[in-house]
Structures are given as C-alpha cells and as structure tokens.
C-alpha cells in the first residue's frame, strides 16, 4: 500500500484480437505485464 491508500488494479487481457493487433499468446502478455508493473512500481508480479 502506497500513501496509505488501498487500491486494486484489474485488467482483462485478450489474446489474438486481430482488430487491435493485440498479443498473440499468454507469453507475450506476461512479458508486457512485467514491463508495465515495473514502470508503475508494482513489485508483486503474478501471472
């Protein structure tokens, strides 16, 4: 908890969505999620 504010981040990930040229596999998403969480300073990384 940062700044004594409890918060939740919820994401929904779609695989192989051709309309937005999205990630083609779970492995691609896991890599992208790790980068984003690192940038945001979220230390606990789950998949």
Protein backbone atom coordinates (compact mmCIF):
# COMPACT_ATOMS: atom_id res chain seq x y z
CA UNK A 1 0.00 0.00 0.00
CA UNK A 2 1.44 3.34 -1.06
CA UNK A 3 0.38 6.59 0.65
CA UNK A 4 -1.92 4.56 2.91
CA UNK A 5 -4.45 4.21 0.09
CA UNK A 6 -5.75 0.73 -0.63
CA UNK A 7 -6.31 0.24 -4.33
CA UNK A 8 -6.84 -2.56 -6.81
CA UNK A 9 -5.75 -2.83 -10.42
CA UNK A 10 -7.86 -5.14 -12.54
CA UNK A 11 -7.05 -5.88 -16.16
CA UNK A 12 -8.64 -8.11 -18.76
CA UNK A 13 -6.31 -9.42 -21.43
CA UNK A 14 -7.44 -10.67 -24.84
CA UNK A 15 -5.30 -12.99 -26.91
CA UNK A 16 -5.12 -12.87 -30.70
CA UNK A 17 -7.53 -9.94 -31.15
CA UNK A 18 -6.92 -9.01 -34.77
CA UNK A 19 -8.99 -5.81 -34.55
CA UNK A 20 -6.32 -4.12 -32.40
CA UNK A 21 -3.29 -6.17 -33.49
CA UNK A 22 -3.00 -7.46 -29.92
CA UNK A 23 -0.77 -10.04 -28.29
CA UNK A 24 -0.92 -13.44 -29.91
CA UNK A 25 -0.20 -15.52 -26.77
CA UNK A 26 -0.18 -15.57 -22.98
CA UNK A 27 3.64 -15.45 -23.08
CA UNK A 28 3.55 -12.10 -24.91
CA UNK A 29 1.15 -10.68 -22.32
CA UNK A 30 3.27 -11.88 -19.39
CA UNK A 31 6.30 -10.00 -20.77
CA UNK A 32 4.27 -6.84 -21.36
CA UNK A 33 2.65 -7.02 -17.92
CA UNK A 34 6.06 -7.31 -16.22
CA UNK A 35 7.28 -4.19 -18.05
CA UNK A 36 4.17 -2.17 -17.10
CA UNK A 37 4.21 -3.28 -13.45
CA UNK A 38 7.90 -2.43 -13.18
CA UNK A 39 7.23 1.03 -14.66
CA UNK A 40 4.35 1.58 -12.22
CA UNK A 41 6.44 0.39 -9.28
CA UNK A 42 4.24 -2.62 -8.55
CA UNK A 43 6.63 -5.14 -7.04
CA UNK A 44 4.42 -8.21 -6.79
CA UNK A 45 4.24 -9.77 -10.25
CA UNK A 46 1.72 -12.56 -10.77
CA UNK A 47 0.62 -14.35 -13.85
